[in-house]
Amino acid sequence: MNLKFDYTHAFFKGQPTKKNLTELTGELQRVQNSMRMMREIDELGFADLPGNEAMAREVAKLAKRYKDFDDVVVLGIGGSALGFIALKDALLHPFHNLLTEGRVAPRFHVLDNIDPELVGGVLNLIDPAKTLVCVITKSGSTAETVGQFLIFHDYFVAKLGGKAEANKRFVFITDPDKGPLRALANEEGIATLPVPANVGGRFSVFCPVGLFPAALAGIKINALLKGAGEALTTGLDAPVLKSPSLVGAALHYLHYQQGRRIAVMMPYANSLFRTADWFRQLWAESLGKANDVAGKPVHIGPTPLAALGATDQHSQVQLFAEGPDDKLYTFLRVEKMRRDLPYPKSPWKQDAFTYFKGRSMRKLLDAEAEATRYALTEAGRPCVTVFMPRLNEETIGRLLMHLELQTAAAGLLFNINAFDQPGVEAGKRYAFGLMGRPGYEKEAARVNKATAKPFVLEG
């Protein structure tokens, strides 16, 4: 089940070269040693998750308790939702919610935005008596999620005749000890699962944040954690130039120095597109920083961009091939897909139809992936390909852990803190102020003053 990390086409005659990677060996050894030390002192919390058997048992036990619901609504935003979305799309039937026969898990509705049409649309679909609502926020005070919770709880109380019945249909995944959601759970007797204190949202897919809804979906969480653990061992214990995670971080670092400051992830499988979406948050929020670890202004960070093969061959690839040489491309490919569709013999004689005979849709997808990679490298664009032998719990666990390790390693190479998000926190404070939350009056005043005399055109 090993992933194959092919960086054959990451180098050209210009910079960087394979020699530059080799010259980085000492620095990568420092990075690997730092990550090991951080793990020992509990500062690399996501690395402890694959081996946490007690956590996995707790998740499985609670999921079994709630296995008979028809619908599951997940309320969360950012890292509280994207990890499960990636797992769900990678491992469930592409039209899981629409299946009428053979569906053994509930329908899932992940509300990772506060668009009232989206949220109201789900309220129109569900029967509160047969619906479980999973509320995910580590802080317990995320405005978007708390607001959604209030709406759903009020709706359930009205439909079910009181708080007692409504509360039975909520599970909170939040800080183990503190925060308003934890306090409310203790007061109301609502079931909970903890988010480890040293695990941030974007690194939380292997804790109850991702595992609990995954277990409800019938995803084999032990196999998922097994794959993650194997990738962790490779990343932290292998010689540095044999570690896909460290080499991946080094390639992004080296190309960034040469002006390739956009990281494109392009899966050739629809089921992995939301994995690329999950990676966007992981990479952007971890590496986009104003200051380095010493407080020196650096305004650094490669920008992540998601694309989908073969769809984006007909949109973004024109820019990729002939636009600015400012990107490093990572292709995700699955060697043995779960399904294929052979092309039938054409009843028409034109070449445009007849060459499909004896071939399949999978064959065409593979051909287009290889052709796109070749076309980009022919144009001097650097590419990396991650091959997954097949798509299952173990391999998706390996992939996500590889990307988490790669991100942490890149943070050390760039000399920034990959685990905070001060830019996000500022926006949260201003939003609290504008919504009238006590204690944030100064933030509201600053925003209102700045927008008092807007320049607005009408047309």
Protein backbone atom coordinates (compact mmCIF):
# COMPACT_ATOMS: atom_id res chain seq x y z
CA MET A 1 0.00 0.00 0.00
CA ASN A 2 3.01 2.34 -0.20
CA LEU A 3 2.57 5.61 -2.05
CA LYS A 4 5.06 6.34 -4.81
CA PHE A 5 6.47 9.86 -4.81
CA ASP A 6 7.88 10.54 -8.28
CA TYR A 7 9.90 13.74 -8.55
CA THR A 8 11.73 12.81 -11.75
CA HIS A 9 10.32 15.89 -13.49
CA ALA A 10 10.87 18.40 -10.68
CA PHE A 11 14.23 19.58 -12.09
CA PHE A 12 15.36 21.18 -15.33
CA LYS A 13 18.56 22.77 -16.64
CA GLY A 14 17.78 25.90 -14.68
CA GLN A 15 17.35 26.24 -10.93
CA PRO A 16 16.81 24.35 -8.76
CA THR A 17 18.73 21.19 -9.64
CA LYS A 18 19.02 17.74 -8.11
CA LYS A 19 22.33 18.95 -6.68
CA ASN A 20 20.51 21.72 -4.80
CA LEU A 21 18.32 19.10 -3.17
CA THR A 22 21.35 17.04 -2.16
CA GLU A 23 23.00 20.15 -0.74
CA LEU A 24 19.94 20.60 1.47
CA THR A 25 20.52 17.24 3.20
CA GLY A 26 21.99 18.78 6.35
CA GLU A 27 19.13 21.25 6.67
CA LEU A 28 16.59 18.45 6.15
CA GLN A 29 18.29 16.44 8.87
CA ARG A 30 17.88 19.42 11.18
CA VAL A 31 14.20 19.62 10.22
CA GLN A 32 13.65 15.91 10.85
CA ASN A 33 15.41 16.11 14.21
CA SER A 34 13.34 19.16 15.15
CA MET A 35 10.10 17.35 14.29
CA ARG A 36 11.14 14.36 16.39
CA MET A 37 11.94 16.64 19.32
CA MET A 38 8.66 18.52 18.91
CA ARG A 39 6.86 15.20 19.04
CA GLU A 40 8.61 14.24 22.28
CA ILE A 41 7.52 17.47 23.99
CA ASP A 42 3.93 17.31 22.67
CA GLU A 43 4.30 20.14 20.15
CA LEU A 44 3.54 17.94 17.12
CA GLY A 45 0.16 16.75 18.31
CA PHE A 46 -1.12 15.39 15.00
CA ALA A 47 1.75 12.87 14.99
CA ASP A 48 0.39 11.21 18.15
CA LEU A 49 -3.05 10.52 16.69
CA PRO A 50 -2.41 7.35 14.64
CA GLY A 51 -1.17 5.48 17.73
CA ASN A 52 -3.95 6.64 20.06
CA GLU A 53 -5.93 3.41 20.37
CA ALA A 54 -8.01 4.68 23.29
CA MET A 55 -9.23 7.60 21.17
CA ALA A 56 -10.17 5.28 18.30
CA ARG A 57 -12.12 3.01 20.67
CA GLU A 58 -13.99 5.97 22.15
CA VAL A 59 -14.93 7.21 18.68
CA ALA A 60 -16.09 3.76 17.54
CA LYS A 61 -18.16 3.26 20.70
CA LEU A 62 -20.04 6.54 20.30
CA ALA A 63 -20.53 5.99 16.55
CA LYS A 64 -22.11 2.60 17.30
CA ARG A 65 -24.50 4.31 19.71
CA TYR A 66 -25.72 6.65 16.94
CA LYS A 67 -25.63 4.22 14.00
CA ASP A 68 -29.39 4.17 13.30
CA PHE A 69 -29.99 7.76 12.21
CA ASP A 70 -31.12 8.47 8.64
CA ASP A 71 -29.23 11.75 8.32
CA VAL A 72 -26.12 13.26 9.87
CA VAL A 73 -25.58 17.02 9.74
CA VAL A 74 -22.01 18.20 10.38
CA LEU A 75 -21.71 21.80 11.56
CA GLY A 76 -18.14 23.07 11.25
CA ILE A 77 -15.96 25.29 9.14
CA GLY A 78 -12.37 25.12 7.90
CA GLY A 79 -10.47 22.27 9.52
CA SER A 80 -13.61 21.21 11.38
CA ALA A 81 -15.19 20.15 8.09
CA LEU A 82 -12.66 19.83 5.28
CA GLY A 83 -10.98 16.69 6.61
CA PHE A 84 -14.20 14.70 6.78
CA ILE A 85 -15.30 16.04 3.39
CA ALA A 86 -12.03 14.75 1.94
CA LEU A 87 -12.55 11.32 3.54
CA LYS A 88 -16.19 11.12 2.53
CA ASP A 89 -15.57 12.01 -1.09
CA ALA A 90 -12.55 9.73 -1.35
CA LEU A 91 -14.16 6.64 0.17
CA LEU A 92 -17.93 6.74 -0.28
CA HIS A 93 -20.00 6.28 -3.43
CA PRO A 94 -19.87 9.55 -5.42
CA PHE A 95 -23.66 9.85 -5.09
CA HIS A 96 -23.94 8.36 -1.62
CA ASN A 97 -26.82 10.54 -0.46
CA LEU A 98 -28.90 9.67 -3.52
CA LEU A 99 -28.60 5.90 -3.21
CA THR A 100 -31.90 4.17 -2.49
CA GLU A 101 -30.54 0.61 -2.51
CA GLY A 102 -27.35 -0.65 -0.95
CA ARG A 103 -26.72 2.43 1.21
CA VAL A 104 -25.73 1.21 4.66
CA ALA A 105 -24.73 4.57 6.16
CA PRO A 106 -26.81 7.71 6.77
CA ARG A 107 -26.92 10.64 4.39
CA PHE A 108 -24.37 13.34 5.21
CA HIS A 109 -24.82 17.08 5.02
CA VAL A 110 -21.65 19.04 5.83
CA LEU A 111 -22.53 22.69 6.36
CA ASP A 112 -19.14 24.38 6.12
CA ASN A 113 -20.59 27.77 5.25
CA ILE A 114 -23.28 30.08 6.64
CA ASP A 115 -25.14 30.80 3.44
CA PRO A 116 -28.77 30.80 4.66
CA GLU A 117 -29.99 29.16 1.47
CA LEU A 118 -27.58 26.27 2.00
CA VAL A 119 -28.43 25.83 5.68
CA GLY A 120 -32.15 26.33 5.13
CA GLY A 121 -32.07 23.80 2.32
CA VAL A 122 -30.84 21.11 4.70
CA LEU A 123 -33.50 22.03 7.25
CA ASN A 124 -36.06 21.39 4.50
CA LEU A 125 -34.62 17.90 3.86
CA ILE A 126 -34.26 16.37 7.30
CA ASP A 127 -36.58 14.84 9.87
CA PRO A 128 -35.27 15.95 13.30
CA ALA A 129 -36.46 12.72 14.89
CA LYS A 130 -34.14 10.75 12.61
CA THR A 131 -31.21 13.19 12.37
CA LEU A 132 -27.97 13.49 14.31
CA VAL A 133 -26.21 16.86 14.41
CA CYS A 134 -22.45 16.84 14.96
CA VAL A 135 -21.21 20.26 16.14
CA ILE A 136 -17.46 20.70 15.69
CA THR A 137 -15.48 23.64 17.05
CA LYS A 138 -12.40 23.27 19.20
CA SER A 139 -12.75 26.67 20.82
CA GLY A 140 -16.47 26.22 21.30
CA SER A 141 -17.03 29.79 20.18
CA THR A 142 -16.58 29.78 16.38
CA ALA A 143 -19.24 32.26 15.27
CA GLU A 144 -20.35 30.39 12.15
CA THR A 145 -20.71 27.05 13.94
CA VAL A 146 -22.31 28.37 17.13
CA GLY A 147 -24.85 30.30 15.07
CA GLN A 148 -25.71 27.18 13.06
CA PHE A 149 -26.07 25.19 16.27
CA LEU A 150 -28.56 27.71 17.68
CA ILE A 151 -30.70 27.45 14.55
CA PHE A 152 -30.68 23.65 14.45
CA HIS A 153 -31.26 23.26 18.19
CA ASP A 154 -34.18 25.68 18.11
CA TYR A 155 -35.66 23.83 15.13
CA PHE A 156 -35.26 20.47 16.84
CA VAL A 157 -36.80 21.72 20.09
CA ALA A 158 -39.83 23.01 18.19
CA LYS A 159 -40.28 19.79 16.19
CA LEU A 160 -39.56 17.31 19.00
CA GLY A 161 -41.38 18.99 21.85
CA GLY A 162 -38.56 20.18 24.08
CA LYS A 163 -34.87 20.30 24.93
CA ALA A 164 -34.67 16.80 26.36
CA GLU A 165 -35.46 15.11 23.04
CA ALA A 166 -33.49 17.64 21.02
CA ASN A 167 -30.33 17.19 23.10
CA LYS A 168 -30.28 13.46 22.39
CA ARG A 169 -29.64 14.26 18.74
CA PHE A 170 -26.54 16.42 19.20
CA VAL A 171 -22.89 15.49 19.64
CA PHE A 172 -20.27 18.14 20.42
CA ILE A 173 -16.64 17.71 19.34
CA THR A 174 -14.71 20.39 21.18
CA ASP A 175 -11.93 21.16 23.65
CA PRO A 176 -11.71 18.47 26.36
CA ASP A 177 -11.75 20.93 29.27
CA LYS A 178 -12.77 24.47 28.37
CA GLY A 179 -14.86 26.66 26.11
CA PRO A 180 -18.58 27.52 25.96
CA LEU A 181 -19.54 24.37 24.06
CA ARG A 182 -17.84 22.14 26.65
CA ALA A 183 -19.62 24.03 29.45
CA LEU A 184 -22.97 23.70 27.67
CA ALA A 185 -22.45 19.96 27.15
CA ASN A 186 -21.79 19.52 30.86
CA GLU A 187 -24.88 21.55 31.73
CA GLU A 188 -27.25 19.87 29.27
CA GLY A 189 -25.87 16.33 29.28
CA ILE A 190 -25.00 16.40 25.57
CA ALA A 191 -22.63 13.71 24.29
CA THR A 192 -19.09 14.88 23.48
CA LEU A 193 -15.77 13.84 22.03
CA PRO A 194 -12.54 15.77 22.65
CA VAL A 195 -10.25 17.64 20.28
CA PRO A 196 -6.75 17.16 21.74
CA ALA A 197 -5.38 20.41 23.10
CA ASN A 198 -2.21 20.20 20.98
CA VAL A 199 -4.00 19.49 17.68
CA GLY A 200 -5.05 22.44 15.53
CA GLY A 201 -8.10 22.36 13.28
CA ARG A 202 -6.32 21.91 9.97
CA PHE A 203 -4.33 18.98 11.41
CA SER A 204 -7.37 17.35 13.07
CA VAL A 205 -8.58 14.83 10.49
CA PHE A 206 -7.13 11.88 12.47
CA CYS A 207 -8.83 12.86 15.75
CA PRO A 208 -12.60 12.78 16.50
CA VAL A 209 -13.11 15.80 14.23
CA GLY A 210 -12.63 13.58 11.18
CA LEU A 211 -12.92 10.11 12.71
CA PHE A 212 -16.38 10.36 14.29
CA PRO A 213 -18.34 11.27 11.16
CA ALA A 214 -16.10 8.87 9.23
CA ALA A 215 -17.05 6.04 11.59
CA LEU A 216 -20.73 6.92 11.17
CA ALA A 217 -20.17 6.65 7.40
CA GLY A 218 -18.83 3.12 7.75
CA ILE A 219 -15.25 4.15 6.99
CA LYS A 220 -12.73 1.80 8.64
CA ILE A 221 -11.04 4.23 10.98
CA ASN A 222 -8.47 1.72 12.23
CA ALA A 223 -7.25 1.15 8.66
CA LEU A 224 -7.19 4.91 8.13
CA LEU A 225 -5.02 5.36 11.23
CA LYS A 226 -2.82 2.43 10.22
CA GLY A 227 -2.01 4.09 6.90
CA ALA A 228 -1.36 7.41 8.63
CA GLY A 229 0.98 5.72 11.10
CA GLU A 230 2.96 4.07 8.32
CA ALA A 231 3.41 7.41 6.53
CA LEU A 232 4.47 8.94 9.85
CA THR A 233 7.17 6.28 10.30
CA THR A 234 8.48 6.84 6.78
CA GLY A 235 8.46 10.60 7.18
CA LEU A 236 10.21 10.79 10.53
CA ASP A 237 12.44 7.70 10.57
CA ALA A 238 13.66 7.21 7.00
CA PRO A 239 16.88 8.85 5.75
CA VAL A 240 15.89 12.39 4.81
CA LEU A 241 16.30 11.95 1.04
CA LYS A 242 14.14 8.79 1.24
CA SER A 243 11.29 10.56 3.03
CA PRO A 244 8.58 11.73 0.59
CA SER A 245 7.37 14.31 3.10
CA LEU A 246 10.79 15.88 3.62
CA VAL A 247 11.71 15.78 -0.06
CA GLY A 248 8.30 17.26 -0.93
CA ALA A 249 8.85 20.11 1.53
CA ALA A 250 12.37 20.67 0.15
CA LEU A 251 11.13 20.85 -3.44
CA HIS A 252 8.52 23.46 -2.56
CA TYR A 253 11.12 25.41 -0.60
CA LEU A 254 13.71 25.33 -3.40
CA HIS A 255 11.24 26.27 -6.13
CA TYR A 256 9.84 29.06 -3.95
CA GLN A 257 13.30 30.62 -3.86
CA GLN A 258 13.26 30.64 -7.67
CA GLY A 259 9.91 32.44 -7.86
CA ARG A 260 7.57 29.43 -8.14
CA ARG A 261 5.32 30.54 -5.36
CA ILE A 262 2.11 28.75 -6.33
CA ALA A 263 1.59 25.10 -5.34
CA VAL A 264 -0.87 23.39 -7.70
CA MET A 265 -2.44 20.12 -6.61
CA MET A 266 -4.19 18.32 -9.46
CA PRO A 267 -5.78 14.92 -8.76
CA TYR A 268 -6.79 12.69 -11.64
CA ALA A 269 -9.78 11.31 -9.76
CA ASN A 270 -12.97 13.16 -8.88
CA SER A 271 -12.96 11.45 -5.50
CA LEU A 272 -9.70 13.23 -4.58
CA PHE A 273 -10.70 16.77 -5.56
CA ARG A 274 -11.84 17.63 -2.04
CA THR A 275 -8.51 16.27 -0.79
CA ALA A 276 -6.91 19.04 -2.84
CA ASP A 277 -9.40 21.42 -1.22
CA TRP A 278 -8.38 20.16 2.24
CA PHE A 279 -4.73 20.67 1.26
CA ARG A 280 -5.44 24.29 0.28
CA GLN A 281 -6.35 25.17 3.86
CA LEU A 282 -3.53 23.09 5.35
CA TRP A 283 -0.90 24.75 3.16
CA ALA A 284 -2.26 28.31 3.15
CA GLU A 285 -3.08 28.67 6.82
CA SER A 286 0.12 26.95 7.94
CA LEU A 287 2.65 28.67 5.69
CA GLY A 288 1.21 32.11 4.96
CA LYS A 289 2.84 34.20 7.70
CA ALA A 290 3.81 37.84 8.18
CA ASN A 291 6.69 37.12 10.57
CA ASP A 292 9.27 34.40 11.09
CA VAL A 293 9.77 32.63 14.42
CA ALA A 294 12.00 35.48 15.63
CA GLY A 295 9.33 38.08 14.85
CA LYS A 296 11.09 39.43 11.76
CA PRO A 297 8.70 40.54 8.97
CA VAL A 298 8.91 38.09 6.04
CA HIS A 299 5.40 37.97 4.47
CA ILE A 300 6.04 34.49 3.17
CA GLY A 301 3.99 31.58 1.89
CA PRO A 302 3.40 29.55 -1.27
CA THR A 303 -0.17 29.92 -2.51
CA PRO A 304 -2.09 26.63 -2.96
CA LEU A 305 -4.28 26.11 -6.00
CA ALA A 306 -6.60 23.16 -6.66
CA ALA A 307 -7.22 21.76 -10.13
CA LEU A 308 -8.95 18.61 -11.38
CA GLY A 309 -7.86 16.28 -14.14
CA ALA A 310 -9.14 15.95 -16.75
CA THR A 311 -11.62 18.82 -16.22
CA ASP A 312 -9.03 21.56 -15.86
CA GLN A 313 -7.15 20.51 -18.97
CA HIS A 314 -9.93 22.49 -20.65
CA SER A 315 -9.53 25.56 -18.45
CA GLN A 316 -6.47 26.11 -16.27
CA VAL A 317 -3.86 24.08 -18.17
CA GLN A 318 -3.62 26.76 -20.87
CA LEU A 319 -2.38 29.12 -18.15
CA PHE A 320 -0.18 26.42 -16.61
CA ALA A 321 1.59 25.66 -19.90
CA GLU A 322 1.97 29.13 -21.40
CA GLY A 323 1.48 31.54 -18.52
CA PRO A 324 4.12 32.59 -16.00
CA ASP A 325 6.56 29.96 -14.73
CA ASP A 326 5.55 30.52 -11.10
CA LYS A 327 4.09 27.14 -10.11
CA LEU A 328 5.14 23.71 -8.86
CA TYR A 329 2.62 21.03 -9.86
CA THR A 330 1.67 17.96 -7.82
CA PHE A 331 -0.42 15.35 -9.61
CA LEU A 332 -2.38 12.75 -7.62
CA ARG A 333 -3.01 9.50 -9.48
CA VAL A 334 -4.65 6.19 -8.54
CA GLU A 335 -3.05 3.15 -10.16
CA LYS A 336 -5.99 0.77 -9.75
CA MET A 337 -9.35 2.51 -9.64
CA ARG A 338 -12.37 0.86 -8.06
CA ARG A 339 -14.33 0.95 -11.30
CA ASP A 340 -13.75 1.17 -15.03
CA LEU A 341 -16.04 1.57 -18.03
CA PRO A 342 -14.96 -0.08 -21.30
CA TYR A 343 -15.78 1.79 -24.49
CA PRO A 344 -18.12 -0.11 -26.84
CA LYS A 345 -17.43 -0.71 -30.50
CA SER A 346 -18.60 2.29 -32.48
CA PRO A 347 -21.37 1.80 -35.08
CA TRP A 348 -19.78 4.70 -37.01
CA LYS A 349 -16.61 4.48 -39.11
CA GLN A 350 -14.99 7.87 -38.58
CA ASP A 351 -11.61 7.83 -36.79
CA ALA A 352 -12.99 10.11 -34.07
CA PHE A 353 -15.14 7.17 -32.90
CA THR A 354 -13.32 3.96 -33.88
CA TYR A 355 -10.05 4.37 -31.95
CA PHE A 356 -11.90 3.88 -28.64
CA LYS A 357 -12.44 0.18 -29.45
CA GLY A 358 -10.71 -2.10 -26.93
CA ARG A 359 -9.94 0.76 -24.58
CA SER A 360 -11.66 2.12 -21.48
CA MET A 361 -12.46 5.36 -19.71
CA ARG A 362 -9.71 4.62 -17.19
CA LYS A 363 -7.23 4.20 -20.05
CA LEU A 364 -8.18 7.63 -21.41
CA LEU A 365 -7.89 9.26 -17.98
CA ASP A 366 -4.41 7.76 -17.53
CA ALA A 367 -3.38 8.84 -21.01
CA GLU A 368 -4.55 12.40 -20.35
CA ALA A 369 -2.74 12.53 -17.01
CA GLU A 370 0.53 11.42 -18.56
CA ALA A 371 0.05 13.66 -21.60
CA THR A 372 -0.61 16.71 -19.43
CA ARG A 373 2.41 15.99 -17.25
CA TYR A 374 4.59 15.58 -20.36
CA ALA A 375 3.24 18.74 -21.98
CA LEU A 376 3.98 20.77 -18.85
CA THR A 377 7.49 19.41 -18.43
CA GLU A 378 8.15 19.94 -22.13
CA ALA A 379 7.24 23.57 -21.48
CA GLY A 380 9.75 23.66 -18.61
CA ARG A 381 7.19 23.43 -15.81
CA PRO A 382 8.28 21.31 -12.79
CA CYS A 383 5.99 18.46 -11.78
CA VAL A 384 5.74 15.89 -8.99
CA THR A 385 3.39 12.89 -9.10
CA VAL A 386 2.07 10.97 -6.10
CA PHE A 387 0.82 7.51 -7.13
CA MET A 388 -1.63 5.67 -4.90
CA PRO A 389 -1.82 1.91 -5.59
CA ARG A 390 -5.59 2.01 -4.97
CA LEU A 391 -7.98 4.24 -3.11
CA ASN A 392 -8.99 2.90 0.30
CA GLU A 393 -8.76 3.83 3.97
CA GLU A 394 -5.11 2.88 4.31
CA THR A 395 -3.89 4.79 1.27
CA ILE A 396 -5.90 7.94 1.97
CA GLY A 397 -4.54 7.82 5.53
CA ARG A 398 -1.02 7.66 4.11
CA LEU A 399 -1.64 10.54 1.73
CA LEU A 400 -3.13 12.92 4.30
CA MET A 401 -0.42 12.22 6.85
CA HIS A 402 2.26 12.67 4.17
CA LEU A 403 0.82 16.10 3.40
CA GLU A 404 0.60 17.08 7.07
CA LEU A 405 4.24 16.12 7.61
CA GLN A 406 5.28 17.90 4.42
CA THR A 407 3.55 21.05 5.66
CA ALA A 408 5.18 20.91 9.10
CA ALA A 409 8.59 20.35 7.49
CA ALA A 410 8.06 23.25 5.08
CA GLY A 411 7.29 25.51 8.03
CA LEU A 412 10.65 24.65 9.58
CA LEU A 413 12.46 25.25 6.27
CA PHE A 414 10.78 28.64 5.89
CA ASN A 415 11.52 29.37 9.57
CA ILE A 416 7.93 30.24 10.41
CA ASN A 417 5.37 28.85 12.87
CA ALA A 418 3.22 26.43 10.88
CA PHE A 419 0.76 25.92 13.74
CA ASP A 420 -0.70 29.36 14.45
CA GLN A 421 -3.05 31.57 12.39
CA PRO A 422 -2.93 35.18 13.60
CA GLY A 423 -4.37 36.49 10.34
CA VAL A 424 -7.49 34.38 10.79
CA GLU A 425 -7.88 35.38 14.43
CA ALA A 426 -7.98 39.09 13.56
CA GLY A 427 -10.92 38.56 11.22
CA LYS A 428 -12.74 36.55 13.88
CA ARG A 429 -12.43 39.39 16.39
CA TYR A 430 -13.78 41.95 13.93
CA ALA A 431 -16.72 39.67 13.09
CA PHE A 432 -17.52 39.25 16.79
CA GLY A 433 -17.54 43.03 17.13
CA LEU A 434 -19.84 43.59 14.17
CA MET A 435 -22.26 40.98 15.55
CA GLY A 436 -22.37 42.74 18.93
CA ARG A 437 -20.55 40.18 21.06
CA PRO A 438 -19.61 41.80 24.41
CA GLY A 439 -15.93 42.58 24.76
CA TYR A 440 -15.34 43.35 21.08
CA GLU A 441 -16.70 46.89 20.90
CA LYS A 442 -13.33 48.39 19.90
CA GLU A 443 -13.05 46.02 16.95
CA ALA A 444 -16.52 46.99 15.74
CA ALA A 445 -15.67 50.68 16.04
CA ARG A 446 -12.51 50.25 13.97
CA VAL A 447 -14.36 48.51 11.14
CA ASN A 448 -17.22 51.00 11.16
CA LYS A 449 -14.84 53.96 11.10
CA ALA A 450 -12.88 52.49 8.17
CA THR A 451 -16.05 51.99 6.12
CA ALA A 452 -17.81 55.24 7.03
CA LYS A 453 -17.07 56.90 3.65
CA PRO A 454 -16.99 54.13 1.06
CA PHE A 455 -16.36 54.63 -2.65
CA VAL A 456 -19.35 52.94 -4.27
CA LEU A 457 -20.41 52.91 -7.91
CA GLU A 458 -23.76 51.81 -9.23
CA GLY A 459 -24.42 50.52 -12.69
